[in-house]
Protein backbone atom coordinates (compact mmCIF):
# COMPACT_ATOMS: atom_id res chain seq x y z
CA UNK A 1 0.00 0.00 0.00
CA UNK A 2 1.22 3.48 -0.90
CA UNK A 3 0.71 6.72 0.99
CA UNK A 4 1.61 10.31 0.16
CA UNK A 5 2.95 12.25 3.13
CA UNK A 6 3.26 15.92 2.17
CA UNK A 7 5.11 18.24 4.53
CA UNK A 8 4.36 21.87 3.79
CA UNK A 9 6.94 24.63 3.78
CA UNK A 10 8.73 27.17 1.63
CA UNK A 11 11.92 26.55 -0.28
CA UNK A 12 15.02 28.70 0.06
CA UNK A 13 17.55 29.41 2.79
CA UNK A 14 15.61 32.40 4.13
CA UNK A 15 12.79 30.03 5.18
CA UNK A 16 15.00 27.30 6.64
CA UNK A 17 14.13 26.64 10.31
CA UNK A 18 11.09 28.93 10.33
CA UNK A 19 7.84 27.99 12.05
CA UNK A 20 6.02 27.82 8.71
CA UNK A 21 8.40 25.05 7.58
CA UNK A 22 7.53 22.54 10.30
CA UNK A 23 6.17 20.16 7.63
CA UNK A 24 9.56 20.11 5.90
CA UNK A 25 11.32 19.67 9.24
CA UNK A 26 9.21 16.62 10.16
CA UNK A 27 10.04 14.88 6.88
CA UNK A 28 13.72 15.88 6.99
CA UNK A 29 14.06 14.37 10.47
CA UNK A 30 12.21 11.21 9.43
CA UNK A 31 14.57 10.73 6.48
CA UNK A 32 17.63 11.44 8.59
CA UNK A 33 16.56 8.88 11.21
CA UNK A 34 15.98 6.21 8.57
CA UNK A 35 18.92 6.90 6.22
CA UNK A 36 16.45 7.83 3.49
CA UNK A 37 17.48 10.53 1.03
CA UNK A 38 15.39 13.15 -0.72
CA UNK A 39 15.87 13.60 -4.44
CA UNK A 40 14.91 16.68 -6.39
CA UNK A 41 12.01 15.69 -8.63
CA UNK A 42 9.14 17.39 -10.40
CA UNK A 43 7.32 19.81 -8.07
CA UNK A 44 9.49 19.03 -5.07
CA UNK A 45 11.92 16.90 -3.14
CA UNK A 46 10.73 13.31 -2.87
CA UNK A 47 11.86 10.30 -0.84
CA UNK A 48 10.53 6.79 -0.47
CA UNK A 49 10.25 5.45 3.06
CA UNK A 50 9.14 1.92 3.84
CA UNK A 51 7.43 0.96 7.07
CA UNK A 52 5.73 -2.36 7.95
CA UNK A 53 4.92 -3.26 4.37
CA UNK A 54 3.77 0.22 3.43
CA UNK A 55 5.47 2.58 1.00
CA UNK A 56 5.38 6.22 2.03
CA UNK A 57 6.13 8.78 -0.66
CA UNK A 58 7.48 11.76 1.28
CA UNK A 59 7.00 15.08 -0.50
CA UNK A 60 8.37 18.53 0.22
CA UNK A 61 6.75 20.73 -2.46
CA UNK A 62 9.03 23.17 -4.28
CA UNK A 63 6.02 25.23 -5.39
CA UNK A 64 6.10 27.50 -2.32
CA UNK A 65 3.43 27.20 0.34
CA UNK A 66 0.60 28.97 -1.48
CA UNK A 67 0.81 26.63 -4.49
CA UNK A 68 1.26 23.32 -2.64
CA UNK A 69 -1.79 21.79 -4.31
CA UNK A 70 0.01 21.49 -7.65
CA UNK A 71 2.69 19.23 -6.16
CA UNK A 72 0.25 17.19 -4.09
CA UNK A 73 -2.07 16.53 -7.04
CA UNK A 74 0.84 15.61 -9.33
CA UNK A 75 2.32 13.05 -6.90
CA UNK A 76 -1.07 11.55 -6.00
CA UNK A 77 -1.68 10.89 -9.71
CA UNK A 78 1.87 9.84 -10.56
CA UNK A 79 2.01 7.29 -7.75
CA UNK A 80 -1.67 6.27 -8.14
CA UNK A 81 -2.40 7.03 -4.49
CA UNK A 82 -5.99 7.41 -3.30
CA UNK A 83 -6.88 10.66 -1.55
CA UNK A 84 -7.69 8.81 1.69
CA UNK A 85 -4.00 7.82 1.83
CA UNK A 86 -2.83 11.43 1.77
CA UNK A 87 -1.51 13.07 4.93
CA UNK A 88 -0.58 16.76 4.87
CA UNK A 89 1.67 18.09 7.66
CA UNK A 90 1.50 21.80 8.43
CA UNK A 91 1.89 24.50 11.05
CA UNK A 92 -1.07 25.85 13.03
CA UNK A 93 -1.25 29.24 14.75
CA UNK A 94 -4.33 28.24 16.75
CA UNK A 95 -2.60 25.41 18.60
CA UNK A 96 -0.13 25.94 21.45
CA UNK A 97 3.49 25.25 20.53
CA UNK A 98 4.14 21.52 20.35
CA UNK A 99 0.51 20.39 20.43
CA UNK A 100 -0.70 18.24 17.55
CA UNK A 101 -4.10 17.66 16.00
CA UNK A 102 -4.90 15.07 13.35
CA UNK A 103 -8.12 15.35 11.36
CA UNK A 104 -9.52 13.13 8.59
CA UNK A 105 -10.89 16.15 6.67
CA UNK A 106 -11.95 19.75 7.16
CA UNK A 107 -11.43 23.33 6.12
CA UNK A 108 -8.22 25.25 5.61
CA UNK A 109 -8.31 27.14 8.93
CA UNK A 110 -6.79 30.16 7.18
CA UNK A 111 -3.70 28.24 6.06
CA UNK A 112 -2.90 29.19 2.46
CA UNK A 113 -1.04 25.96 1.63
CA UNK A 114 -3.95 23.85 2.80
CA UNK A 115 -6.39 26.19 1.03
CA UNK A 116 -4.61 25.60 -2.29
CA UNK A 117 -4.56 21.82 -1.85
CA UNK A 118 -8.32 21.85 -1.18
CA UNK A 119 -8.88 24.08 -4.21
CA UNK A 120 -6.78 21.92 -6.55
CA UNK A 121 -8.14 18.56 -5.35
CA UNK A 122 -11.70 19.91 -5.31
CA UNK A 123 -12.51 18.53 -1.86
CA UNK A 124 -11.47 18.53 1.81
CA UNK A 125 -11.49 14.76 2.33
CA UNK A 126 -7.87 14.09 3.19
CA UNK A 127 -6.04 13.83 6.49
CA UNK A 128 -4.00 16.67 7.92
CA UNK A 129 -1.62 16.76 10.85
CA UNK A 130 -1.47 20.22 12.35
CA UNK A 131 1.45 21.09 14.60
CA UNK A 132 1.04 24.04 16.94
CA UNK A 133 3.40 26.97 16.59
CA UNK A 134 1.53 29.32 18.95
CA UNK A 135 -0.26 32.56 18.30
CA UNK A 136 1.22 35.81 17.10
CA UNK A 137 0.88 38.82 19.36
CA UNK A 138 -1.67 40.32 16.95
CA UNK A 139 -3.37 39.45 13.68
CA UNK A 140 -1.09 41.95 11.94
CA UNK A 141 1.95 40.02 13.22
CA UNK A 142 0.83 36.59 12.00
CA UNK A 143 2.93 36.50 8.84
CA UNK A 144 5.96 37.74 10.79
CA UNK A 145 5.40 35.03 13.42
CA UNK A 146 5.06 32.11 10.99
CA UNK A 147 8.04 33.22 8.90
CA UNK A 148 10.34 33.87 11.87
CA UNK A 149 12.94 31.45 13.20
CA UNK A 150 12.32 29.30 16.27
CA UNK A 151 13.49 30.83 19.56
CA UNK A 152 15.93 28.99 21.86
CA UNK A 153 13.20 27.44 24.03
CA UNK A 154 11.29 26.21 20.95
CA UNK A 155 14.45 24.72 19.45
CA UNK A 156 14.85 22.58 22.57
CA UNK A 157 11.26 21.32 22.14
CA UNK A 158 11.66 20.43 18.47
CA UNK A 159 13.29 16.96 18.69
CA UNK A 160 10.49 15.41 20.78
CA UNK A 161 7.88 17.17 18.61
CA UNK A 162 9.42 15.79 15.44
CA UNK A 163 9.51 12.29 16.95
CA UNK A 164 5.87 12.61 18.02
CA UNK A 165 4.95 13.57 14.44
CA UNK A 166 6.83 10.49 13.21
CA UNK A 167 4.79 8.30 15.58
CA UNK A 168 1.59 9.83 14.20
CA UNK A 169 2.70 9.19 10.60
CA UNK A 170 3.55 5.56 11.34
CA UNK A 171 0.25 5.06 13.18
CA UNK A 172 -1.72 6.73 10.38
CA UNK A 173 -0.38 4.29 7.78
CA UNK A 174 -0.77 1.19 9.97
CA UNK A 175 -3.91 1.73 12.08
CA UNK A 176 -5.77 4.47 10.18
CA UNK A 177 -6.79 8.02 10.89
CA UNK A 178 -9.52 7.37 13.50
CA UNK A 179 -7.43 5.21 15.83
CA UNK A 180 -4.46 7.55 15.41
CA UNK A 181 -6.62 10.58 16.28
CA UNK A 182 -7.94 8.85 19.39
CA UNK A 183 -4.44 7.97 20.52
CA UNK A 184 -2.57 11.19 19.76
CA UNK A 185 -4.88 14.21 19.48
CA UNK A 186 -4.20 16.77 22.17
CA UNK A 187 -0.75 15.35 22.88
CA UNK A 188 2.01 17.86 23.47
CA UNK A 189 5.68 17.18 23.21
């Protein structure tokens, strides 16, 4: 069975280690821990990760956040993966730092990358793993907050958060979205 695991982020050194790139960071850490290597392919960096008889196509779109749907749609079709085997990993301003929330479907919650995926696929029926990055001081500061680098305290919290996200990914592909939600939603690292 094949799954597409899409970690959202922006390409380029200026975005490296920013809150908005948590999706990229989750997949980078997963590859590093498993000696899997990303290769530059059409619409993004792609790696193949195998776990308990499943093949996970890991995707870091190179389309920039606001056009992530193009990469997701391309790799779903190329790999002949059903939409219910898609998991999108993204940052969430509404969740406290380090808290996760998995959902089987839903709206975009104001996240432009997720909004574009919904628009391009034509539906909201795919799983998403939201990772809390905390709120900005004001609505006007939201873009500054998501595009800023992690502070020292947050950097210390990242390794357990990345490992927690890996557990969720592995559970999603082996036990399904409902059981994974029941086990992990609300968990903080």
